[in-house]
Protein backbone atom coordinates (compact mmCIF):
# COMPACT_ATOMS: atom_id res chain seq x y z
CA MET A 1 -5.03 -31.19 -2.03
CA THR A 2 -8.02 -28.62 -2.48
CA ASP A 3 -8.36 -26.02 -4.96
CA SER A 4 -7.00 -22.61 -3.63
CA GLY A 5 -8.15 -19.66 -5.50
CA THR A 6 -10.88 -18.36 -3.07
CA ALA A 7 -10.24 -14.82 -1.10
CA LYS A 8 -12.75 -12.84 1.21
CA SER A 9 -14.39 -10.89 -1.59
CA GLY A 10 -14.33 -12.99 -4.85
CA THR A 11 -12.98 -16.41 -6.61
CA ALA A 12 -9.56 -16.37 -8.40
CA LYS A 13 -9.92 -18.86 -11.38
CA SER A 14 -7.57 -21.22 -12.62
CA GLY A 15 -6.43 -20.41 -15.77
CA THR A 16 -4.14 -17.95 -17.57
CA ALA A 17 -3.89 -14.51 -16.34
CA THR A 18 -4.27 -11.64 -18.83
CA PRO A 19 -2.94 -8.48 -17.15
CA GLY A 20 -3.37 -6.77 -20.54
CA SER A 21 -6.94 -7.65 -20.65
CA PRO A 22 -9.47 -3.99 -20.06
CA ALA A 23 -9.62 -3.96 -16.12
CA LEU A 24 -12.96 -4.25 -14.42
CA SER A 25 -12.14 -2.51 -11.05
CA ARG A 26 -14.78 -0.37 -9.44
CA ARG A 27 -14.25 3.65 -9.72
CA SER A 28 -15.53 7.17 -10.44
CA VAL A 29 -14.93 9.26 -13.33
CA ILE A 30 -15.42 12.66 -13.48
CA ARG A 31 -14.98 14.89 -16.78
CA ALA A 32 -15.01 18.49 -16.76
CA GLY A 33 -18.11 20.07 -17.32
CA ALA A 34 -18.94 22.23 -14.09
CA VAL A 35 -16.72 22.69 -10.92
CA ALA A 36 -19.85 21.63 -9.16
CA ALA A 37 -20.09 18.46 -10.37
CA ALA A 38 -16.50 17.53 -9.78
CA LEU A 39 -16.53 18.68 -6.63
CA MET A 40 -19.33 15.53 -5.82
CA LEU A 41 -16.36 12.77 -5.55
CA ALA A 42 -18.26 10.58 -3.40
CA GLY A 43 -19.50 6.93 -4.46
CA CYS A 44 -17.29 4.12 -5.89
CA THR A 45 -19.86 2.56 -8.45
CA ALA A 46 -18.70 2.75 -11.90
CA GLU A 47 -17.24 -0.10 -13.74
CA ALA A 48 -13.76 0.40 -14.68
CA ASP A 49 -11.74 1.25 -17.39
CA SER A 50 -14.44 2.13 -19.54
CA PRO A 51 -13.27 4.82 -21.55
CA ALA A 52 -12.92 7.97 -19.76
CA THR A 53 -13.72 10.03 -23.04
CA ALA A 54 -15.88 10.10 -25.36
CA SER A 55 -13.38 9.18 -27.94
CA THR A 56 -12.90 5.43 -29.36
CA ALA A 57 -9.82 3.98 -28.39
CA PRO A 58 -7.44 2.73 -30.73
CA THR A 59 -5.98 -0.64 -30.96
CA PRO A 60 -3.57 -1.25 -28.09
CA SER A 61 -0.41 -1.46 -30.00
CA GLY A 62 0.00 -0.99 -33.89
CA PRO A 63 1.93 -2.88 -35.78
CA ALA A 64 5.54 -1.73 -34.42
CA GLY A 65 4.61 -2.56 -31.04
CA PRO A 66 3.96 -0.30 -27.76
CA ASN A 67 5.78 3.43 -28.90
CA ALA A 68 3.78 6.10 -27.28
CA ARG A 69 5.07 7.52 -23.99
CA PHE A 70 3.24 7.88 -20.64
CA THR A 71 4.66 10.66 -18.09
CA PHE A 72 3.14 9.99 -14.69
CA ALA A 73 4.00 12.70 -11.54
CA THR A 74 4.59 11.33 -8.14
CA ALA A 75 4.46 13.01 -4.89
CA ALA A 76 7.84 11.58 -3.81
CA ARG A 77 11.02 10.10 -4.94
CA PRO A 78 11.18 5.80 -4.30
CA VAL A 79 13.08 4.69 -1.66
CA THR A 80 14.27 1.78 -3.68
CA LEU A 81 13.44 -0.20 -6.43
CA ASP A 82 13.97 -3.70 -5.06
CA PRO A 83 10.49 -4.34 -3.74
CA ALA A 84 11.54 -6.87 -1.21
CA LEU A 85 13.24 -3.82 0.56
CA ALA A 86 10.82 -1.47 -0.35
CA ALA A 87 8.00 -0.03 2.50
CA ASP A 88 6.72 2.84 0.39
CA THR A 89 3.98 3.60 -2.32
CA GLU A 90 6.40 5.38 -4.36
CA SER A 91 8.68 2.62 -4.77
CA TYR A 92 6.02 0.20 -5.28
CA ARG A 93 4.51 2.29 -7.96
CA VAL A 94 7.50 1.79 -10.10
CA THR A 95 8.14 -1.82 -9.51
CA ARG A 96 4.85 -3.19 -10.00
CA GLN A 97 5.35 -2.07 -13.61
CA VAL A 98 8.84 -4.07 -13.92
CA LEU A 99 7.89 -7.05 -11.68
CA GLU A 100 5.35 -9.32 -11.12
CA GLY A 101 4.55 -11.92 -8.59
CA LEU A 102 2.94 -15.23 -8.48
CA VAL A 103 -0.26 -14.14 -7.95
CA GLY A 104 -2.30 -10.79 -9.46
CA VAL A 105 -4.72 -9.11 -8.22
CA ASP A 106 -8.62 -9.13 -9.65
CA ALA A 107 -9.71 -5.96 -10.99
CA LEU A 108 -13.07 -5.85 -9.71
CA THR A 109 -13.04 -7.04 -6.90
CA SER A 110 -8.71 -7.28 -5.60
CA ALA A 111 -9.30 -10.71 -5.15
CA PRO A 112 -6.27 -12.74 -5.51
CA THR A 113 -6.00 -14.22 -9.58
CA PRO A 114 -3.25 -16.35 -11.30
CA LEU A 115 -0.50 -14.34 -12.39
CA LEU A 116 3.28 -16.03 -12.74
CA ALA A 117 1.77 -18.80 -11.43
CA LYS A 118 -1.21 -20.24 -13.52
CA ARG A 119 -2.49 -22.04 -10.74
CA TRP A 120 -2.29 -23.34 -7.34
CA THR A 121 -3.41 -25.94 -4.90
CA LYS A 122 -3.00 -26.15 -1.56
CA SER A 123 -3.10 -29.24 1.27
CA GLU A 124 -5.85 -30.25 3.53
CA ASP A 125 -3.76 -28.72 6.96
CA ARG A 126 -3.29 -25.35 4.90
CA ARG A 127 0.19 -25.81 5.53
CA THR A 128 1.52 -26.21 1.81
CA TYR A 129 0.70 -24.69 -1.35
CA THR A 130 1.79 -26.26 -4.78
CA PHE A 131 2.07 -23.83 -7.78
CA GLU A 132 1.93 -24.19 -11.74
CA LEU A 133 4.20 -21.71 -13.28
CA ARG A 134 3.96 -20.27 -16.62
CA ARG A 135 6.42 -21.56 -19.03
CA ASP A 136 6.26 -19.06 -21.50
CA VAL A 137 8.10 -16.18 -18.97
CA THR A 138 11.54 -14.44 -19.12
CA PHE A 139 12.97 -12.25 -17.10
CA HIS A 140 14.54 -8.91 -18.42
CA ASP A 141 18.01 -10.31 -18.46
CA GLY A 142 17.15 -13.09 -20.77
CA GLU A 143 17.13 -15.70 -17.85
CA PRO A 144 14.42 -18.09 -17.75
CA PHE A 145 11.69 -17.89 -15.31
CA ASN A 146 10.91 -21.33 -13.65
CA ALA A 147 10.51 -23.05 -10.47
CA GLU A 148 14.36 -22.65 -9.37
CA ALA A 149 13.75 -19.14 -9.83
CA VAL A 150 10.81 -18.93 -7.56
CA ARG A 151 12.76 -21.06 -4.86
CA ARG A 152 15.55 -18.49 -4.84
CA ASN A 153 13.45 -15.75 -4.58
CA PHE A 154 11.37 -17.23 -1.14
CA GLU A 155 14.99 -18.32 -0.02
CA ARG A 156 16.27 -15.31 -0.37
CA TRP A 157 13.59 -13.17 1.39
CA TYR A 158 13.55 -15.71 4.09
CA THR A 159 17.64 -16.02 4.58
CA LEU A 160 18.14 -12.01 4.28
CA PRO A 161 20.61 -10.40 6.51
CA GLU A 162 19.88 -8.56 9.50
CA SER A 163 22.10 -5.73 8.01
CA ALA A 164 19.57 -5.34 5.02
CA ARG A 165 16.29 -5.77 7.06
CA SER A 166 13.98 -2.85 8.46
CA ASN A 167 10.73 -3.22 10.87
CA SER A 168 8.57 -1.76 8.12
CA LEU A 169 9.48 -4.94 5.43
CA MET A 170 6.51 -6.67 4.12
CA TYR A 171 8.24 -9.59 4.73
CA ARG A 172 8.24 -9.61 8.86
CA SER A 173 4.94 -8.75 8.89
CA VAL A 174 3.38 -11.69 6.82
CA PHE A 175 5.76 -14.12 7.67
CA ARG A 176 6.99 -13.15 11.19
CA GLY A 177 10.57 -14.41 11.07
CA PHE A 178 13.76 -14.98 9.17
CA SER A 179 16.05 -18.08 9.18
CA ASP A 180 17.84 -16.68 12.44
CA SER A 181 14.51 -17.26 14.01
CA PRO A 182 12.72 -20.50 12.76
CA LYS A 183 10.61 -20.74 15.81
CA THR A 184 8.36 -17.66 14.96
CA ALA A 185 9.05 -17.94 11.02
CA VAL A 186 5.71 -19.21 9.14
CA TYR A 187 7.62 -19.81 6.28
CA ARG A 188 9.65 -23.26 5.98
CA GLU A 189 11.18 -23.99 2.69
CA CYS A 190 10.22 -23.84 -1.14
CA VAL A 191 10.71 -26.79 -2.77
CA VAL A 192 11.33 -27.29 -6.57
CA GLU A 193 9.21 -30.24 -7.89
CA ASP A 194 9.78 -30.18 -11.52
CA GLU A 195 10.78 -27.16 -13.71
CA TYR A 196 7.37 -25.05 -13.59
CA THR A 197 5.86 -26.60 -10.19
CA VAL A 198 7.11 -25.47 -6.65
CA ARG A 199 6.00 -26.55 -3.76
CA VAL A 200 5.94 -23.81 -0.56
CA GLU A 201 5.47 -25.29 2.73
CA LEU A 202 4.56 -23.42 5.81
CA THR A 203 4.92 -24.08 9.60
CA GLU A 204 1.28 -23.30 10.21
CA PRO A 205 -1.73 -22.54 8.25
CA LEU A 206 -1.84 -18.55 7.06
CA ASP A 207 -5.23 -17.70 5.56
CA SER A 208 -3.29 -14.73 3.80
CA PHE A 209 -0.71 -16.29 2.29
CA ILE A 210 -2.44 -16.50 -1.54
CA PRO A 211 -3.76 -12.49 -1.08
CA ALA A 212 -0.40 -11.52 0.57
CA LEU A 213 1.70 -13.00 -2.36
CA ALA A 214 -0.02 -10.47 -5.06
CA ALA A 215 1.61 -7.66 -3.01
CA PRO A 216 4.61 -5.91 -4.73
CA ALA A 217 7.07 -7.17 -1.81
CA PHE A 218 6.91 -10.43 -3.14
CA ALA A 219 7.33 -10.03 -6.70
CA MET A 220 9.68 -12.42 -8.57
CA SER A 221 13.46 -10.88 -9.14
CA SER A 222 15.94 -12.57 -11.97
CA PRO A 223 18.29 -14.77 -9.32
CA LYS A 224 20.81 -14.01 -11.78
CA ALA A 225 20.20 -10.57 -11.15
CA LEU A 226 20.27 -10.44 -7.62
CA ALA A 227 23.74 -12.00 -7.40
CA ASP A 228 25.22 -9.93 -9.95
CA ALA A 229 24.23 -6.55 -8.18
CA HIS A 230 24.86 -8.05 -4.49
CA ALA A 231 21.32 -6.95 -4.03
CA ASP A 232 21.69 -7.85 0.23
CA ASP A 233 24.38 -5.45 0.57
CA LEU A 234 23.31 -1.81 1.31
CA THR A 235 26.44 -0.26 0.12
CA GLN A 236 25.09 2.72 -2.37
CA GLU A 237 23.36 5.72 -1.19
CA ARG A 238 19.99 7.18 -3.09
CA ASN A 239 18.53 10.22 -1.94
CA GLY A 240 20.49 10.01 1.48
CA ARG A 241 19.46 6.07 1.97
CA LYS A 242 21.35 3.22 2.02
CA VAL A 243 20.20 0.96 -1.31
CA SER A 244 21.94 -1.86 -3.01
CA GLY A 245 23.22 -2.06 -6.60
CA TYR A 246 19.90 -4.32 -7.34
CA GLY A 247 18.16 -1.48 -5.65
CA VAL A 248 18.91 0.94 -8.23
CA SER A 249 18.74 -1.41 -11.34
CA PRO A 250 15.79 -4.13 -11.05
CA VAL A 251 15.04 -7.35 -13.13
CA GLY A 252 11.84 -8.64 -13.65
CA THR A 253 9.21 -10.35 -15.63
CA GLY A 254 6.96 -7.45 -16.02
CA PRO A 255 5.63 -5.52 -19.47
CA PHE A 256 8.53 -3.01 -18.91
CA ARG A 257 12.05 -3.14 -18.13
CA PHE A 258 14.11 -0.87 -16.23
CA VAL A 259 15.76 1.77 -18.10
CA SER A 260 17.36 4.83 -15.70
CA TRP A 261 16.59 6.31 -12.52
CA ASN A 262 18.25 10.09 -12.45
CA GLY A 263 17.42 12.33 -9.73
CA ASP A 264 13.52 13.08 -9.89
CA ALA A 265 12.88 10.82 -12.78
CA VAL A 266 12.86 6.97 -13.71
CA GLU A 267 12.69 5.94 -16.96
CA LEU A 268 11.03 2.30 -18.14
CA ALA A 269 10.80 0.99 -21.65
CA ALA A 270 8.06 -1.58 -22.70
CA TYR A 271 9.93 -5.33 -23.08
CA PRO A 272 9.53 -6.67 -26.39
CA GLU A 273 9.38 -10.22 -24.80
CA TYR A 274 7.00 -9.68 -22.42
CA TRP A 275 4.77 -12.70 -22.30
CA GLY A 276 1.24 -10.81 -21.59
CA GLU A 277 -0.32 -8.10 -23.84
CA ALA A 278 2.05 -5.29 -24.79
CA GLY A 279 -0.53 -2.65 -24.68
CA GLN A 280 0.08 1.08 -26.39
CA ILE A 281 2.96 2.45 -24.25
CA GLY A 282 6.35 2.02 -25.26
CA THR A 283 7.95 4.55 -22.35
CA VAL A 284 7.30 5.29 -18.86
CA VAL A 285 8.65 8.29 -17.09
CA PHE A 286 8.11 8.62 -13.80
CA ARG A 287 8.94 12.34 -12.63
CA THR A 288 8.57 13.47 -8.86
CA ILE A 289 6.83 16.76 -8.32
CA SER A 290 6.55 17.27 -4.58
CA SER A 291 3.94 19.69 -4.16
CA PRO A 292 0.19 19.38 -5.07
CA GLU A 293 -0.03 22.45 -7.08
CA GLY A 294 3.52 21.50 -9.07
CA ARG A 295 1.70 18.66 -10.03
CA LEU A 296 -1.39 20.18 -11.13
CA ARG A 297 0.49 22.92 -12.81
CA ALA A 298 2.30 20.19 -14.67
CA LEU A 299 -0.75 18.10 -15.77
CA LYS A 300 -2.86 21.90 -17.13
CA LYS A 301 0.32 22.16 -19.03
CA GLY A 302 0.66 19.08 -20.88
CA GLU A 303 3.92 18.33 -19.19
CA VAL A 304 2.45 14.73 -17.54
CA ASP A 305 -0.48 12.68 -18.51
CA GLY A 306 -1.49 12.29 -15.19
CA TYR A 307 -0.90 12.43 -11.15
CA ASP A 308 -1.98 10.56 -8.32
CA LEU A 309 -3.19 12.06 -4.60
CA VAL A 310 -5.38 14.99 -5.59
CA THR A 311 -6.14 17.25 -3.11
CA VAL A 312 -9.38 19.46 -2.35
CA ASN A 313 -7.85 22.59 -3.63
CA ASP A 314 -7.23 20.84 -7.13
CA VAL A 315 -10.57 19.10 -7.73
CA GLY A 316 -11.95 23.10 -9.08
CA ASP A 317 -9.16 23.62 -10.97
CA LEU A 318 -8.92 20.12 -12.72
CA ALA A 319 -12.82 20.70 -13.76
CA ARG A 320 -12.47 23.99 -15.03
CA ASN A 321 -9.23 22.67 -17.33
CA GLY A 322 -11.21 20.06 -18.60
CA LEU A 323 -9.02 16.94 -17.07
CA GLN A 324 -10.27 13.74 -15.45
CA ILE A 325 -10.44 12.58 -11.82
CA GLN A 326 -10.71 8.87 -11.12
CA GLN A 327 -11.06 8.11 -7.69
CA ARG A 328 -10.45 4.43 -5.97
CA ASP A 329 -12.27 2.64 -3.32
CA PRO A 330 -11.21 3.89 0.14
CA TYR A 331 -8.74 1.25 1.35
CA SER A 332 -6.25 2.83 3.88
CA ILE A 333 -5.89 4.37 7.40
CA LEU A 334 -5.05 7.82 8.66
CA TYR A 335 -4.23 7.36 12.40
CA LEU A 336 -2.64 9.42 15.78
CA GLY A 337 0.08 7.33 16.67
CA ILE A 338 0.75 7.10 20.13
CA ASN A 339 4.24 6.10 21.68
CA SER A 340 3.23 4.12 24.92
CA SER A 341 6.74 4.62 26.06
CA PHE A 342 6.51 8.29 26.58
CA PRO A 343 5.97 8.97 30.03
CA GLY A 344 2.48 9.39 30.93
CA LEU A 345 1.01 7.63 27.77
CA ASP A 346 2.00 4.51 29.16
CA SER A 347 -1.68 5.03 31.14
CA VAL A 348 -4.68 3.50 29.04
CA LEU A 349 -6.62 6.89 31.02
CA MET A 350 -4.08 9.19 29.04
CA ARG A 351 -4.51 7.28 25.98
CA ARG A 352 -8.43 7.36 26.36
CA ALA A 353 -8.32 11.13 27.08
CA VAL A 354 -6.34 11.46 23.44
CA ALA A 355 -9.30 9.59 21.74
CA HIS A 356 -12.56 11.72 23.23
CA ALA A 357 -9.89 15.17 22.72
CA ILE A 358 -10.43 14.56 19.20
CA ASP A 359 -13.30 15.81 16.80
CA LYS A 360 -12.81 13.52 13.74
CA PRO A 361 -15.34 14.90 11.36
CA ALA A 362 -13.72 18.49 12.10
CA VAL A 363 -10.05 17.76 11.29
CA LEU A 364 -11.28 15.88 7.75
CA ASP A 365 -13.66 18.72 6.88
CA GLY A 366 -12.57 20.71 3.93
CA LEU A 367 -9.09 18.64 3.73
CA PHE A 368 -10.19 15.36 2.70
CA LEU A 369 -12.31 14.42 -0.78
CA ASN A 370 -15.85 13.85 -0.18
CA GLY A 371 -16.53 10.39 0.66
CA THR A 372 -13.70 9.82 3.12
CA LYS A 373 -15.06 8.49 6.14
CA PRO A 374 -14.06 9.02 10.00
CA ALA A 375 -12.88 5.74 11.30
CA GLY A 376 -13.65 4.18 14.55
CA GLN A 377 -11.30 1.18 13.86
CA PHE A 378 -8.65 -0.12 11.84
CA LEU A 379 -10.02 -2.68 9.36
CA PRO A 380 -11.81 -0.98 6.29
CA GLU A 381 -15.16 -1.60 5.05
CA LYS A 382 -14.18 -3.09 2.26
CA LEU A 383 -13.11 -6.25 3.64
CA GLY A 384 -16.48 -6.54 5.64
CA LEU A 385 -14.92 -7.18 9.49
CA THR A 386 -15.88 -4.19 10.82
CA SER A 387 -17.06 -4.80 14.49
CA ASP A 388 -20.26 -3.29 15.78
CA SER A 389 -19.20 -3.60 19.43
CA VAL A 390 -15.51 -1.85 19.15
CA THR A 391 -15.26 1.30 22.16
CA GLY A 392 -16.65 4.21 20.90
CA TYR A 393 -15.00 7.83 21.85
CA GLY A 394 -17.19 10.42 21.24
CA TYR A 395 -16.13 13.89 21.15
CA ASP A 396 -15.96 15.25 24.77
CA VAL A 397 -13.65 17.62 25.82
CA GLU A 398 -14.54 17.54 29.46
CA LYS A 399 -14.21 13.52 29.43
CA ALA A 400 -10.95 14.09 28.19
CA GLY A 401 -9.67 16.28 31.01
CA GLU A 402 -11.34 14.18 33.60
CA LEU A 403 -9.21 11.53 32.37
CA LEU A 404 -5.93 13.36 32.22
CA LYS A 405 -6.38 14.41 35.67
CA GLU A 406 -7.28 10.85 36.93
CA ALA A 407 -4.28 9.41 34.96
CA GLY A 408 -2.27 12.35 36.73
CA TYR A 409 -0.83 14.35 33.74
CA ASP A 410 1.28 17.05 34.90
CA GLY A 411 1.77 19.25 31.85
CA ARG A 412 4.59 17.62 30.53
CA GLU A 413 5.51 18.80 27.09
CA LEU A 414 4.48 15.98 24.61
CA PRO A 415 6.35 16.31 21.12
CA PHE A 416 4.04 15.56 18.21
CA TYR A 417 5.82 14.46 14.79
CA TYR A 418 4.07 14.98 11.49
CA PRO A 419 5.34 15.31 7.94
CA ARG A 420 6.13 17.94 5.75
CA ARG A 421 6.30 18.60 2.18
CA VAL A 422 4.85 15.35 0.97
CA THR A 423 1.34 14.09 0.17
CA ARG A 424 0.10 10.47 0.93
CA SER A 425 -3.16 8.82 0.19
CA TYR A 426 -3.83 8.79 3.50
CA LEU A 427 -2.86 12.51 4.30
CA PRO A 428 -3.21 14.94 1.50
CA THR A 429 -2.24 17.97 3.68
CA PRO A 430 -0.09 17.32 6.42
CA GLU A 431 0.60 20.44 8.11
CA LYS A 432 -3.32 21.42 8.46
CA VAL A 433 -4.21 18.00 9.59
CA TYR A 434 -1.74 18.37 12.16
CA ALA A 435 -2.63 22.10 12.94
CA ARG A 436 -6.49 20.59 13.58
CA LEU A 437 -5.18 17.93 15.94
CA SER A 438 -2.87 19.62 17.91
CA SER A 439 -5.54 22.62 18.70
CA GLN A 440 -8.11 20.01 19.69
CA LEU A 441 -5.62 18.31 21.80
CA THR A 442 -4.43 21.79 23.31
CA ALA A 443 -8.13 22.60 24.02
CA ALA A 444 -8.26 19.38 26.02
CA GLY A 445 -5.02 20.42 28.35
CA PHE A 446 -2.23 18.72 26.54
CA ASN A 447 0.79 20.40 26.13
CA ILE A 448 2.07 20.20 22.62
CA ARG A 449 5.14 20.73 21.05
CA PRO A 450 5.16 20.77 17.04
CA VAL A 451 8.45 18.51 15.58
CA PRO A 452 7.83 19.18 11.82
CA VAL A 453 10.16 16.18 9.66
CA ASP A 454 10.18 16.43 5.92
CA TRP A 455 9.55 13.30 4.52
CA SER A 456 12.49 12.97 2.48
CA GLU A 457 14.69 13.25 5.68
CA GLY A 458 13.76 10.15 6.97
CA TYR A 459 10.47 10.66 8.16
CA LEU A 460 9.20 7.23 8.19
CA GLU A 461 12.33 6.14 10.17
CA LYS A 462 11.99 8.67 12.98
CA VAL A 463 8.42 8.14 13.41
CA GLN A 464 8.98 3.93 13.63
CA GLY A 465 12.09 3.93 15.70
CA LYS A 466 13.13 4.94 19.09
CA GLU A 467 13.21 8.95 18.67
CA ASP A 468 11.76 11.02 21.77
CA ARG A 469 8.04 11.13 20.48
CA ALA A 470 4.65 11.21 22.34
CA PHE A 471 2.54 11.05 19.46
CA HIS A 472 2.88 11.04 15.16
CA LEU A 473 0.73 11.27 12.18
CA LEU A 474 1.11 8.88 9.63
CA GLY A 475 -1.20 6.12 7.90
CA LEU A 476 -1.20 2.49 5.82
CA ALA A 477 -2.05 1.99 1.97
CA GLY A 478 -3.76 -1.61 2.02
CA THR A 479 -1.36 -3.62 -0.70
CA TYR A 480 -3.32 -6.77 -0.51
CA GLU A 481 -7.13 -8.10 0.71
CA ALA A 482 -6.69 -9.41 3.95
CA GLY A 483 -7.28 -7.91 7.86
CA ASP A 484 -3.90 -9.22 8.57
CA ASN A 485 -2.92 -6.44 5.71
CA PHE A 486 -3.90 -3.86 8.74
CA VAL A 487 -4.11 -5.08 12.13
CA GLY A 488 -1.06 -7.66 11.32
CA THR A 489 1.33 -5.14 10.36
CA LEU A 490 0.72 -2.68 12.62
CA PHE A 491 -0.50 -4.55 15.73
CA GLY A 492 0.69 -7.86 15.38
CA GLY A 493 3.82 -7.94 17.41
CA TYR A 494 5.62 -5.30 19.50
CA THR A 495 7.36 -2.28 17.30
CA ASP A 496 8.98 0.51 18.03
CA GLU A 497 6.09 3.05 16.54
CA PHE A 498 3.57 2.21 19.32
CA SER A 499 5.99 0.68 21.99
CA TYR A 500 2.54 -1.26 22.52
CA ASN A 501 3.07 -4.98 24.55
CA ASP A 502 -0.22 -6.36 24.58
CA PRO A 503 -0.15 -10.39 24.36
CA GLU A 504 -4.10 -10.65 24.00
CA VAL A 505 -3.61 -8.63 20.56
CA PHE A 506 -0.47 -10.47 19.45
CA SER A 507 -2.22 -14.05 19.87
CA GLY A 508 -5.51 -12.74 18.94
CA ILE A 509 -3.76 -11.57 15.48
CA GLU A 510 -2.23 -15.12 14.84
CA LYS A 511 -5.14 -17.03 15.91
CA ALA A 512 -7.26 -15.09 13.15
CA ARG A 513 -4.40 -15.44 10.41
CA SER A 514 -4.45 -19.45 11.22
CA LEU A 515 -8.06 -19.43 10.77
CA GLY A 516 -9.74 -20.01 7.24
CA ASP A 517 -12.40 -17.47 5.99
CA GLY A 518 -15.79 -17.65 7.41
CA GLN A 519 -17.70 -16.53 10.76
CA GLU A 520 -15.06 -17.83 13.01
CA GLN A 521 -12.45 -15.70 11.10
CA THR A 522 -14.82 -12.98 11.10
CA ASP A 523 -15.33 -13.09 14.97
CA ALA A 524 -11.69 -13.44 15.51
CA TYR A 525 -11.01 -9.88 14.05
CA HIS A 526 -14.18 -8.28 15.54
CA ALA A 527 -12.41 -9.54 19.02
CA ILE A 528 -8.97 -8.10 17.78
CA SER A 529 -10.93 -4.58 16.93
CA ASP A 530 -12.91 -4.49 20.31
CA ARG A 531 -9.33 -4.86 22.43
CA ILE A 532 -7.19 -2.28 20.52
CA SER A 533 -10.18 0.32 20.67
CA GLU A 534 -10.06 -0.51 24.63
CA ARG A 535 -6.33 -0.02 25.14
CA VAL A 536 -5.73 2.40 22.24
CA PRO A 537 -2.47 2.03 21.12
CA ALA A 538 -3.25 4.92 18.42
CA VAL A 539 -6.21 6.41 17.28
CA PRO A 540 -8.10 5.60 13.96
CA LEU A 541 -8.79 8.82 12.06
CA ALA A 542 -10.43 8.66 8.79
CA PHE A 543 -10.51 5.71 5.68
CA PRO A 544 -9.55 8.56 2.91
CA ILE A 545 -11.04 8.54 -0.28
CA SER A 546 -7.71 8.86 -2.56
CA ALA A 547 -8.32 10.27 -6.37
CA LEU A 548 -5.68 10.71 -9.56
CA ALA A 549 -5.79 13.06 -12.15
CA LEU A 550 -5.77 12.21 -16.32
CA SER A 551 -5.35 14.18 -19.30
CA PRO A 552 -7.80 13.75 -21.85
CA ARG A 553 -5.36 12.09 -23.52
CA VAL A 554 -6.01 8.70 -21.51
CA ALA A 555 -9.11 7.07 -22.60
CA ALA A 556 -8.61 4.57 -19.74
CA TYR A 557 -6.49 3.77 -16.92
CA PRO A 558 -6.69 0.80 -14.33
CA THR A 559 -7.63 2.26 -11.01
CA SER A 560 -7.31 0.15 -8.37
CA PRO A 561 -7.66 -0.01 -4.41
CA VAL A 562 -4.63 -1.59 -4.14
CA LEU A 563 -2.59 0.64 -6.22
CA HIS A 564 -2.28 -2.57 -8.86
CA GLU A 565 -1.81 -0.10 -11.44
CA VAL A 566 -0.03 -1.26 -14.13
CA PHE A 567 0.43 0.75 -17.31
CA ASN A 568 0.55 -1.57 -20.31
CA ARG A 569 -3.14 -1.27 -19.09
CA VAL A 570 -3.64 2.25 -20.13
CA THR A 571 -5.31 3.23 -23.08
CA LEU A 572 -4.57 6.45 -25.15
CA ALA A 573 -7.24 8.40 -27.05
CA GLU A 574 -6.95 9.05 -31.00
CA ARG A 575 -5.47 12.72 -30.97
């Protein structure tokens, strides 16, 4: 067996994880002082979780333990609090506080680190992983965390009934198949070796296996709570969507236990038996405020301690009011989705015309924070997998018109779906981005029909399903550090979102997933990016900078490119 702690950007060291220790993730902190300074949101170079104010931070927890209250405004309600069935940022934001996985995230590099697993090894053929577990952990319902609990979680994901699955499940994109399709499944079995040692067998090498286990979808749930709440039976409804009893009352091993979810508010409380550092925060409240103006107003009035998804319009007001802005390294992609099954868009010539019709810098100008870059491919620079040989589509309206004519476009109306009443890390102002894109496409000769859909009314389901659409706006926020998280999730197989069937891309991604870290894998990802750029199943638009705003009360916040931001690591200043 060989040690398995190495990821693309760093090394996961064996030993005990300490999630309560000060974070070291890279970020920029902007203090109030001048609007001009606040507008210069560019580099991501500062060492993280240094105090964000000049105040000396108090001891993380007093004699009575964590007792501070921390209220955070979110842009949308969570869909479900069962991370295995979630696919949205706001669900994961909550579940990261309540549940933990075997593998954590290094605060500086985003590489995998020990968490509930103290260490792991892998076999020479890279198909068997053995995990040594922490011995001092209990679930919030008092049940022990041990090898059997790990086995039951893996088996639950593998045997998930079709009625509980969606096309956007993380398990599907990483492990490819469930128990009813064993020929395509990468997971084989999970075997208990002793009370605190568990072995996971794969059907083939999977380079992203350890990084993927750091994603919130693979957090450990209490097996008893899963059974008691009938976690795989979606018999309840929350915000118009089907969830299970477990999806509204999760039980994990994290620093906070679930208390309640009522409408726009989720409340958590510090778990007194938490195995790691408790920190200062005794109560966490997530409060949904859908409009950027509403979130800014709540922060200025002291109703919340922070909010995510700062927009360009927020920056000056935040600075004038002495509030903080912290930004993350870019690790998301905004794209224009193309439905290749829509009449006309099955032609690569027409899809290339779309790419030539878009002036990406003009789309981004003034709508995204400084430091946001136009994207020519789907792999963020952070991964070190950028290809220099992708097909470039410079902004060229005349070329777009020529390709439309060559493709035989007859002026057919093209429905363009875009979300309303939402802010995403990759799409801060959806309506304005749509307006610029549709204007550019129209100028090139496309007949665009706008189809606005409220995010809360099933936008994701509509654009990832079989709706009669030509184009849509969407993005992907990375949750673990591997190329597979992006091109594998989007283009690893046929999906209704793109209706894109390209065996060369599918097999290339399978090959890249099986290769170890090194030049051969890098070359494989370059070939994938080159092929995708030739065939244009979607148009990459931007690698957006995302940022959050905090009150002066917050001395340190664990900013993370993959949003691994757990609030026992928040430090509050003395007041």
